[in-house]
Structures are given as structure tokens and as C-alpha cells.
PDB file of N, CA and C in Angstrom:
ATOM      1  N   MET A   1     -48.178 -98.746  -9.210  1.00  0.00           N
ATOM      2  CA  MET A   1     -48.958 -97.785  -8.450  1.00  0.00           C
ATOM      3  C   MET A   1     -48.853 -96.408  -9.105  1.00  0.00           C
ATOM      4  N   ARG A   2     -49.978 -95.772  -9.320  1.00  0.00           N
ATOM      5  CA  ARG A   2     -50.024 -94.467  -9.972  1.00  0.00           C
ATOM      6  C   ARG A   2     -49.842 -93.358  -8.944  1.00  0.00           C
ATOM      7  N   GLN A   3     -48.956 -92.404  -9.259  1.00  0.00           N
ATOM      8  CA  GLN A   3     -48.751 -91.273  -8.352  1.00  0.00           C
ATOM      9  C   GLN A   3     -49.894 -90.287  -8.495  1.00  0.00           C
ATOM     10  N   ARG A   4     -50.248 -89.654  -7.389  1.00  0.00           N
ATOM     11  CA  ARG A   4     -51.273 -88.613  -7.430  1.00  0.00           C
ATOM     12  C   ARG A   4     -50.697 -87.367  -8.069  1.00  0.00           C
ATOM     13  N   GLU A   5     -51.537 -86.666  -8.820  1.00  0.00           N
ATOM     14  CA  GLU A   5     -51.090 -85.446  -9.481  1.00  0.00           C
ATOM     15  C   GLU A   5     -51.038 -84.261  -8.528  1.00  0.00           C
ATOM     16  N   THR A   6     -51.739 -84.356  -7.416  1.00  0.00           N
ATOM     17  CA  THR A   6     -51.804 -83.249  -6.476  1.00  0.00           C
ATOM     18  C   THR A   6     -51.904 -83.790  -5.054  1.00  0.00           C
ATOM     19  N   LEU A   7     -51.494 -82.976  -4.100  1.00  0.00           N
ATOM     20  CA  LEU A   7     -51.612 -83.359  -2.692  1.00  0.00           C
ATOM     21  C   LEU A   7     -52.943 -82.906  -2.104  1.00  0.00           C
ATOM     22  N   ILE A   8     -53.679 -82.131  -2.880  1.00  0.00           N
ATOM     23  CA  ILE A   8     -54.964 -81.610  -2.409  1.00  0.00           C
ATOM     24  C   ILE A   8     -56.034 -82.681  -2.620  1.00  0.00           C
ATOM     25  N   GLU A   9     -56.871 -82.873  -1.613  1.00  0.00           N
ATOM     26  CA  GLU A   9     -57.993 -83.795  -1.754  1.00  0.00           C
ATOM     27  C   GLU A   9     -59.235 -83.000  -2.129  1.00  0.00           C
ATOM     28  N   PHE A  10     -59.851 -83.395  -3.233  1.00  0.00           N
ATOM     29  CA  PHE A  10     -61.027 -82.691  -3.745  1.00  0.00           C
ATOM     30  C   PHE A  10     -62.286 -83.476  -3.427  1.00  0.00           C
ATOM     31  N   PRO A  11     -63.420 -82.796  -3.259  1.00  0.00           N
ATOM     32  CA  PRO A  11     -63.598 -81.345  -3.218  1.00  0.00           C
ATOM     33  C   PRO A  11     -63.093 -80.761  -1.900  1.00  0.00           C
ATOM     34  N   CYS A  12     -62.748 -79.485  -1.924  1.00  0.00           N
ATOM     35  CA  CYS A  12     -62.269 -78.803  -0.722  1.00  0.00           C
ATOM     36  C   CYS A  12     -62.492 -77.303  -0.852  1.00  0.00           C
ATOM     37  N   ASP A  13     -62.484 -76.621   0.277  1.00  0.00           N
ATOM     38  CA  ASP A  13     -62.533 -75.161   0.276  1.00  0.00           C
ATOM     39  C   ASP A  13     -61.108 -74.667   0.089  1.00  0.00           C
ATOM     40  N   PHE A  14     -60.878 -73.853  -0.927  1.00  0.00           N
ATOM     41  CA  PHE A  14     -59.537 -73.424  -1.289  1.00  0.00           C
ATOM     42  C   PHE A  14     -59.472 -71.903  -1.322  1.00  0.00           C
ATOM     43  N   PRO A  15     -58.709 -71.288  -0.403  1.00  0.00           N
ATOM     44  CA  PRO A  15     -58.606 -69.824  -0.394  1.00  0.00           C
ATOM     45  C   PRO A  15     -57.596 -69.315  -1.433  1.00  0.00           C
ATOM     46  N   LEU A  16     -57.985 -68.286  -2.143  1.00  0.00           N
ATOM     47  CA  LEU A  16     -57.100 -67.603  -3.087  1.00  0.00           C
ATOM     48  C   LEU A  16     -56.961 -66.162  -2.629  1.00  0.00           C
ATOM     49  N   LYS A  17     -55.746 -65.659  -2.609  1.00  0.00           N
ATOM     50  CA  LYS A  17     -55.519 -64.255  -2.280  1.00  0.00           C
ATOM     51  C   LYS A  17     -55.144 -63.562  -3.585  1.00  0.00           C
ATOM     52  N   ILE A  18     -55.934 -62.549  -3.943  1.00  0.00           N
ATOM     53  CA  ILE A  18     -55.756 -61.837  -5.196  1.00  0.00           C
ATOM     54  C   ILE A  18     -55.493 -60.374  -4.875  1.00  0.00           C
ATOM     55  N   MET A  19     -54.388 -59.842  -5.411  1.00  0.00           N
ATOM     56  CA  MET A  19     -54.025 -58.462  -5.127  1.00  0.00           C
ATOM     57  C   MET A  19     -53.974 -57.639  -6.403  1.00  0.00           C
ATOM     58  N   GLY A  20     -54.425 -56.401  -6.264  1.00  0.00           N
ATOM     59  CA  GLY A  20     -54.396 -55.483  -7.397  1.00  0.00           C
ATOM     60  C   GLY A  20     -54.537 -54.058  -6.907  1.00  0.00           C
ATOM     61  N   ALA A  21     -54.472 -53.120  -7.853  1.00  0.00           N
ATOM     62  CA  ALA A  21     -54.639 -51.712  -7.506  1.00  0.00           C
ATOM     63  C   ALA A  21     -56.051 -51.495  -6.981  1.00  0.00           C
ATOM     64  N   ALA A  22     -56.179 -50.588  -6.021  1.00  0.00           N
ATOM     65  CA  ALA A  22     -57.479 -50.307  -5.406  1.00  0.00           C
ATOM     66  C   ALA A  22     -58.298 -49.406  -6.328  1.00  0.00           C
ATOM     67  N   ASP A  23     -58.580 -49.912  -7.527  1.00  0.00           N
ATOM     68  CA  ASP A  23     -59.357 -49.164  -8.522  1.00  0.00           C
ATOM     69  C   ASP A  23     -60.819 -49.565  -8.453  1.00  0.00           C
ATOM     70  N   ASP A  24     -61.679 -48.667  -8.904  1.00  0.00           N
ATOM     71  CA  ASP A  24     -63.092 -49.013  -9.033  1.00  0.00           C
ATOM     72  C   ASP A  24     -63.202 -50.187  -9.992  1.00  0.00           C
ATOM     73  N   GLY A  25     -63.978 -51.155  -9.622  1.00  0.00           N
ATOM     74  CA  GLY A  25     -64.199 -52.289 -10.513  1.00  0.00           C
ATOM     75  C   GLY A  25     -63.276 -53.468 -10.298  1.00  0.00           C
ATOM     76  N   PHE A  26     -62.216 -53.316  -9.491  1.00  0.00           N
ATOM     77  CA  PHE A  26     -61.284 -54.433  -9.281  1.00  0.00           C
ATOM     78  C   PHE A  26     -61.986 -55.630  -8.651  1.00  0.00           C
ATOM     79  N   ALA A  27     -62.690 -55.405  -7.553  1.00  0.00           N
ATOM     80  CA  ALA A  27     -63.357 -56.518  -6.861  1.00  0.00           C
ATOM     81  C   ALA A  27     -64.405 -57.164  -7.765  1.00  0.00           C
ATOM     82  N   GLN A  28     -65.156 -56.356  -8.494  1.00  0.00           N
ATOM     83  CA  GLN A  28     -66.184 -56.903  -9.391  1.00  0.00           C
ATOM     84  C   GLN A  28     -65.548 -57.736 -10.502  1.00  0.00           C
ATOM     85  N   ALA A  29     -64.434 -57.271 -11.049  1.00  0.00           N
ATOM     86  CA  ALA A  29     -63.748 -58.012 -12.110  1.00  0.00           C
ATOM     87  C   ALA A  29     -63.271 -59.366 -11.597  1.00  0.00           C
ATOM     88  N   VAL A  30     -62.738 -59.390 -10.379  1.00  0.00           N
ATOM     89  CA  VAL A  30     -62.273 -60.638  -9.777  1.00  0.00           C
ATOM     90  C   VAL A  30     -63.453 -61.586  -9.560  1.00  0.00           C
ATOM     91  N   VAL A  31     -64.546 -61.074  -9.031  1.00  0.00           N
ATOM     92  CA  VAL A  31     -65.737 -61.901  -8.788  1.00  0.00           C
ATOM     93  C   VAL A  31     -66.229 -62.526 -10.097  1.00  0.00           C
ATOM     94  N   GLU A  32     -66.241 -61.759 -11.176  1.00  0.00           N
ATOM     95  CA  GLU A  32     -66.694 -62.291 -12.465  1.00  0.00           C
ATOM     96  C   GLU A  32     -65.831 -63.458 -12.927  1.00  0.00           C
ATOM     97  N   VAL A  33     -64.517 -63.342 -12.766  1.00  0.00           N
ATOM     98  CA  VAL A  33     -63.607 -64.425 -13.158  1.00  0.00           C
ATOM     99  C   VAL A  33     -63.827 -65.641 -12.264  1.00  0.00           C
ATOM    100  N   VAL A  34     -63.902 -65.425 -10.961  1.00  0.00           N
ATOM    101  CA  VAL A  34     -64.076 -66.538 -10.024  1.00  0.00           C
ATOM    102  C   VAL A  34     -65.381 -67.279 -10.307  1.00  0.00           C
ATOM    103  N   LEU A  35     -66.455 -66.545 -10.546  1.00  0.00           N
ATOM    104  CA  LEU A  35     -67.755 -67.179 -10.802  1.00  0.00           C
ATOM    105  C   LEU A  35     -67.759 -68.017 -12.080  1.00  0.00           C
ATOM    106  N   LYS A  36     -66.940 -67.648 -13.048  1.00  0.00           N
ATOM    107  CA  LYS A  36     -66.839 -68.442 -14.279  1.00  0.00           C
ATOM    108  C   LYS A  36     -66.341 -69.856 -13.982  1.00  0.00           C
ATOM    109  N   HIS A  37     -65.429 -69.941 -13.029  1.00  0.00           N
ATOM    110  CA  HIS A  37     -64.787 -71.229 -12.717  1.00  0.00           C
ATOM    111  C   HIS A  37     -65.402 -71.927 -11.511  1.00  0.00           C
ATOM    112  N   ALA A  38     -66.066 -71.169 -10.663  1.00  0.00           N
ATOM    113  CA  ALA A  38     -66.715 -71.722  -9.462  1.00  0.00           C
ATOM    114  C   ALA A  38     -68.089 -71.063  -9.333  1.00  0.00           C
ATOM    115  N   PRO A  39     -69.074 -71.550 -10.102  1.00  0.00           N
ATOM    116  CA  PRO A  39     -70.394 -70.909 -10.148  1.00  0.00           C
ATOM    117  C   PRO A  39     -71.105 -70.821  -8.800  1.00  0.00           C
ATOM    118  N   ASP A  40     -70.722 -71.665  -7.851  1.00  0.00           N
ATOM    119  CA  ASP A  40     -71.369 -71.639  -6.532  1.00  0.00           C
ATOM    120  C   ASP A  40     -70.674 -70.684  -5.557  1.00  0.00           C
ATOM    121  N   PHE A  41     -69.681 -69.923  -6.042  1.00  0.00           N
ATOM    122  CA  PHE A  41     -68.948 -68.992  -5.185  1.00  0.00           C
ATOM    123  C   PHE A  41     -69.885 -67.917  -4.657  1.00  0.00           C
ATOM    124  N   ASN A  42     -69.787 -67.633  -3.370  1.00  0.00           N
ATOM    125  CA  ASN A  42     -70.603 -66.604  -2.731  1.00  0.00           C
ATOM    126  C   ASN A  42     -69.785 -65.313  -2.638  1.00  0.00           C
ATOM    127  N   ALA A  43     -70.109 -64.346  -3.480  1.00  0.00           N
ATOM    128  CA  ALA A  43     -69.343 -63.091  -3.526  1.00  0.00           C
ATOM    129  C   ALA A  43     -69.381 -62.344  -2.196  1.00  0.00           C
ATOM    130  N   ALA A  44     -70.420 -62.560  -1.400  1.00  0.00           N
ATOM    131  CA  ALA A  44     -70.523 -61.882  -0.102  1.00  0.00           C
ATOM    132  C   ALA A  44     -69.471 -62.382   0.889  1.00  0.00           C
ATOM    133  N   SER A  45     -68.829 -63.511   0.579  1.00  0.00           N
ATOM    134  CA  SER A  45     -67.839 -64.090   1.500  1.00  0.00           C
ATOM    135  C   SER A  45     -66.424 -63.548   1.279  1.00  0.00           C
ATOM    136  N   ILE A  46     -66.246 -62.663   0.317  1.00  0.00           N
ATOM    137  CA  ILE A  46     -64.899 -62.134   0.021  1.00  0.00           C
ATOM    138  C   ILE A  46     -64.369 -61.326   1.200  1.00  0.00           C
ATOM    139  N   GLY A  47     -63.110 -61.585   1.530  1.00  0.00           N
ATOM    140  CA  GLY A  47     -62.419 -60.756   2.515  1.00  0.00           C
ATOM    141  C   GLY A  47     -61.661 -59.673   1.766  1.00  0.00           C
ATOM    142  N   MET A  48     -61.788 -58.425   2.190  1.00  0.00           N
ATOM    143  CA  MET A  48     -61.097 -57.311   1.528  1.00  0.00           C
ATOM    144  C   MET A  48     -60.204 -56.608   2.521  1.00  0.00           C
ATOM    145  N   ARG A  49     -58.990 -56.330   2.075  1.00  0.00           N
ATOM    146  CA  ARG A  49     -58.048 -55.638   2.955  1.00  0.00           C
ATOM    147  C   ARG A  49     -57.218 -54.649   2.133  1.00  0.00           C
ATOM    148  N   PRO A  50     -57.367 -53.357   2.412  1.00  0.00           N
ATOM    149  CA  PRO A  50     -56.557 -52.373   1.682  1.00  0.00           C
ATOM    150  C   PRO A  50     -55.123 -52.344   2.208  1.00  0.00           C
ATOM    151  N   SER A  51     -54.198 -51.917   1.351  1.00  0.00           N
ATOM    152  CA  SER A  51     -52.809 -51.744   1.801  1.00  0.00           C
ATOM    153  C   SER A  51     -52.752 -50.538   2.742  1.00  0.00           C
ATOM    154  N   LYS A  52     -51.631 -50.399   3.411  1.00  0.00           N
ATOM    155  CA  LYS A  52     -51.473 -49.322   4.395  1.00  0.00           C
ATOM    156  C   LYS A  52     -51.740 -47.949   3.785  1.00  0.00           C
ATOM    157  N   ALA A  53     -51.210 -47.721   2.596  1.00  0.00           N
ATOM    158  CA  ALA A  53     -51.395 -46.427   1.932  1.00  0.00           C
ATOM    159  C   ALA A  53     -52.704 -46.363   1.143  1.00  0.00           C
ATOM    160  N   GLY A  54     -53.398 -47.508   1.020  1.00  0.00           N
ATOM    161  CA  GLY A  54     -54.671 -47.526   0.314  1.00  0.00           C
ATOM    162  C   GLY A  54     -54.563 -47.619  -1.198  1.00  0.00           C
ATOM    163  N   ASN A  55     -53.347 -47.849  -1.704  1.00  0.00           N
ATOM    164  CA  ASN A  55     -53.157 -47.932  -3.155  1.00  0.00           C
ATOM    165  C   ASN A  55     -53.529 -49.303  -3.721  1.00  0.00           C
ATOM    166  N   TYR A  56     -53.457 -50.336  -2.896  1.00  0.00           N
ATOM    167  CA  TYR A  56     -53.715 -51.709  -3.335  1.00  0.00           C
ATOM    168  C   TYR A  56     -54.808 -52.334  -2.480  1.00  0.00           C
ATOM    169  N   LEU A  57     -55.423 -53.355  -3.046  1.00  0.00           N
ATOM    170  CA  LEU A  57     -56.477 -54.076  -2.350  1.00  0.00           C
ATOM    171  C   LEU A  57     -56.187 -55.561  -2.451  1.00  0.00           C
ATOM    172  N   SER A  58     -56.291 -56.249  -1.326  1.00  0.00           N
ATOM    173  CA  SER A  58     -56.110 -57.695  -1.283  1.00  0.00           C
ATOM    174  C   SER A  58     -57.480 -58.325  -1.053  1.00  0.00           C
ATOM    175  N   LEU A  59     -57.840 -59.250  -1.934  1.00  0.00           N
ATOM    176  CA  LEU A  59     -59.111 -59.958  -1.813  1.00  0.00           C
ATOM    177  C   LEU A  59     -58.830 -61.415  -1.491  1.00  0.00           C
ATOM    178  N   THR A  60     -59.548 -61.966  -0.537  1.00  0.00           N
ATOM    179  CA  THR A  60     -59.451 -63.392  -0.256  1.00  0.00           C
ATOM    180  C   THR A  60     -60.769 -64.032  -0.671  1.00  0.00           C
ATOM    181  N   CYS A  61     -60.666 -64.911  -1.661  1.00  0.00           N
ATOM    182  CA  CYS A  61     -61.839 -65.616  -2.185  1.00  0.00           C
ATOM    183  C   CYS A  61     -61.653 -67.100  -1.889  1.00  0.00           C
ATOM    184  N   THR A  62     -62.561 -67.670  -1.126  1.00  0.00           N
ATOM    185  CA  THR A  62     -62.499 -69.100  -0.836  1.00  0.00           C
ATOM    186  C   THR A  62     -63.517 -69.803  -1.719  1.00  0.00           C
ATOM    187  N   VAL A  63     -62.995 -70.640  -2.619  1.00  0.00           N
ATOM    188  CA  VAL A  63     -63.854 -71.357  -3.563  1.00  0.00           C
ATOM    189  C   VAL A  63     -63.954 -72.825  -3.162  1.00  0.00           C
ATOM    190  N   ARG A  64     -65.037 -73.443  -3.560  1.00  0.00           N
ATOM    191  CA  ARG A  64     -65.209 -74.889  -3.373  1.00  0.00           C
ATOM    192  C   ARG A  64     -64.585 -75.542  -4.600  1.00  0.00           C
ATOM    193  N   ALA A  65     -63.351 -75.987  -4.450  1.00  0.00           N
ATOM    194  CA  ALA A  65     -62.603 -76.566  -5.565  1.00  0.00           C
ATOM    195  C   ALA A  65     -62.976 -78.032  -5.746  1.00  0.00           C
ATOM    196  N   VAL A  66     -63.233 -78.402  -6.996  1.00  0.00           N
ATOM    197  CA  VAL A  66     -63.612 -79.780  -7.283  1.00  0.00           C
ATOM    198  C   VAL A  66     -62.523 -80.548  -8.031  1.00  0.00           C
ATOM    199  N   SER A  67     -61.526 -79.831  -8.580  1.00  0.00           N
ATOM    200  CA  SER A  67     -60.443 -80.516  -9.295  1.00  0.00           C
ATOM    201  C   SER A  67     -59.226 -79.601  -9.427  1.00  0.00           C
ATOM    202  N   GLN A  68     -58.084 -80.223  -9.686  1.00  0.00           N
ATOM    203  CA  GLN A  68     -56.861 -79.459  -9.925  1.00  0.00           C
ATOM    204  C   GLN A  68     -57.004 -78.653 -11.217  1.00  0.00           C
ATOM    205  N   GLN A  69     -57.670 -79.233 -12.213  1.00  0.00           N
ATOM    206  CA  GLN A  69     -57.870 -78.539 -13.489  1.00  0.00           C
ATOM    207  C   GLN A  69     -58.674 -77.254 -13.291  1.00  0.00           C
ATOM    208  N   GLN A  70     -59.690 -77.305 -12.438  1.00  0.00           N
ATOM    209  CA  GLN A  70     -60.494 -76.116 -12.142  1.00  0.00           C
ATOM    210  C   GLN A  70     -59.624 -75.030 -11.522  1.00  0.00           C
ATOM    211  N   LEU A  71     -58.817 -75.400 -10.520  1.00  0.00           N
ATOM    212  CA  LEU A  71     -57.946 -74.417  -9.861  1.00  0.00           C
ATOM    213  C   LEU A  71     -56.917 -73.852 -10.829  1.00  0.00           C
ATOM    214  N   ASP A  72     -56.346 -74.706 -11.672  1.00  0.00           N
ATOM    215  CA  ASP A  72     -55.343 -74.245 -12.637  1.00  0.00           C
ATOM    216  C   ASP A  72     -55.947 -73.240 -13.616  1.00  0.00           C
ATOM    217  N   ALA A  73     -57.144 -73.537 -14.113  1.00  0.00           N
ATOM    218  CA  ALA A  73     -57.802 -72.630 -15.063  1.00  0.00           C
ATOM    219  C   ALA A  73     -58.148 -71.305 -14.398  1.00  0.00           C
ATOM    220  N   LEU A  74     -58.626 -71.358 -13.170  1.00  0.00           N
ATOM    221  CA  LEU A  74     -58.957 -70.139 -12.420  1.00  0.00           C
ATOM    222  C   LEU A  74     -57.702 -69.309 -12.187  1.00  0.00           C
ATOM    223  N   TYR A  75     -56.632 -69.945 -11.756  1.00  0.00           N
ATOM    224  CA  TYR A  75     -55.369 -69.255 -11.506  1.00  0.00           C
ATOM    225  C   TYR A  75     -54.847 -68.600 -12.791  1.00  0.00           C
ATOM    226  N   ARG A  76     -54.891 -69.353 -13.900  1.00  0.00           N
ATOM    227  CA  ARG A  76     -54.406 -68.811 -15.180  1.00  0.00           C
ATOM    228  C   ARG A  76     -55.200 -67.573 -15.600  1.00  0.00           C
ATOM    229  N   GLU A  77     -56.526 -67.639 -15.469  1.00  0.00           N
ATOM    230  CA  GLU A  77     -57.331 -66.490 -15.895  1.00  0.00           C
ATOM    231  C   GLU A  77     -57.120 -65.287 -14.978  1.00  0.00           C
ATOM    232  N   LEU A  78     -57.019 -65.540 -13.679  1.00  0.00           N
ATOM    233  CA  LEU A  78     -56.783 -64.428 -12.745  1.00  0.00           C
ATOM    234  C   LEU A  78     -55.434 -63.767 -13.003  1.00  0.00           C
ATOM    235  N   THR A  79     -54.378 -64.569 -13.165  1.00  0.00           N
ATOM    236  CA  THR A  79     -53.039 -63.988 -13.349  1.00  0.00           C
ATOM    237  C   THR A  79     -52.902 -63.268 -14.677  1.00  0.00           C
ATOM    238  N   SER A  80     -53.730 -63.604 -15.662  1.00  0.00           N
ATOM    239  CA  SER A  80     -53.643 -62.920 -16.954  1.00  0.00           C
ATOM    240  C   SER A  80     -54.542 -61.684 -17.019  1.00  0.00           C
ATOM    241  N   HIS A  81     -55.356 -61.456 -15.995  1.00  0.00           N
ATOM    242  CA  HIS A  81     -56.254 -60.294 -15.991  1.00  0.00           C
ATOM    243  C   HIS A  81     -55.434 -59.026 -15.778  1.00  0.00           C
ATOM    244  N   PRO A  82     -55.693 -57.981 -16.558  1.00  0.00           N
ATOM    245  CA  PRO A  82     -54.883 -56.756 -16.461  1.00  0.00           C
ATOM    246  C   PRO A  82     -54.972 -56.017 -15.127  1.00  0.00           C
ATOM    247  N   MET A  83     -56.039 -56.219 -14.365  1.00  0.00           N
ATOM    248  CA  MET A  83     -56.181 -55.518 -13.087  1.00  0.00           C
ATOM    249  C   MET A  83     -55.510 -56.268 -11.925  1.00  0.00           C
ATOM    250  N   VAL A  84     -55.157 -57.526 -12.163  1.00  0.00           N
ATOM    251  CA  VAL A  84     -54.591 -58.373 -11.099  1.00  0.00           C
ATOM    252  C   VAL A  84     -53.071 -58.308 -11.139  1.00  0.00           C
ATOM    253  N   LYS A  85     -52.483 -58.035  -9.971  1.00  0.00           N
ATOM    254  CA  LYS A  85     -51.015 -57.975  -9.873  1.00  0.00           C
ATOM    255  C   LYS A  85     -50.425 -59.307  -9.406  1.00  0.00           C
ATOM    256  N   VAL A  86     -51.059 -59.933  -8.386  1.00  0.00           N
ATOM    257  CA  VAL A  86     -50.526 -61.157  -7.781  1.00  0.00           C
ATOM    258  C   VAL A  86     -51.679 -62.067  -7.375  1.00  0.00           C
ATOM    259  N   VAL A  87     -51.482 -63.376  -7.548  1.00  0.00           N
ATOM    260  CA  VAL A  87     -52.436 -64.370  -7.046  1.00  0.00           C
ATOM    261  C   VAL A  87     -51.641 -65.386  -6.230  1.00  0.00           C
ATOM    262  N   LEU A  88     -52.069 -65.593  -4.989  1.00  0.00           N
ATOM    263  CA  LEU A  88     -51.414 -66.576  -4.122  1.00  0.00           C
ATOM    264  C   LEU A  88     -52.427 -67.631  -3.717  1.00  0.00           C
TER     265      LEU A  88
END
């Protein structure tokens, strides 16, 4: 019997929380990366929440994930982006 590589059943809606400095262009940069990996992503669905002091911005992007490889590639590109501090 072959073990499953992931506990996630695909396709599924998968929320990603991306945090970075509240700079101009941060949200647009994140949307560009997400769209590369999930072309059907609706940018209007992003949840945005500033930090208490307003220095950071948390974005919640829910993508329609079709594979673990897709999520891994998206996560890798987001975490390597210079404007992104944390991806959960």
C-alpha cells in the first residue's frame, strides 16, 4: 500500500496568510506571484489587515489548490520575495 504524500485532498480552497511591510506595492507584488501559480485566483477576494501600528500588512489569499506541487512552488516563491516577511 502506497502512503499518501499529503493529508490535503485536492482540489481544495487553501488559505495563505502573507505578511510584509505596509509598503506601496506589497499587495500587488503578492497578487502577481499568486496569479503565476493559481491563474484563477480572484484578487478581489484578498483579505487585508494592517498591524496595530500600521507598519505591517497581513494578506489572506485563498487559492484553489490542485496539487501539493502547486502549493509548494507558490510557498517557495512567496517566501523568497524580498517584500514578504512571513507566509503561513
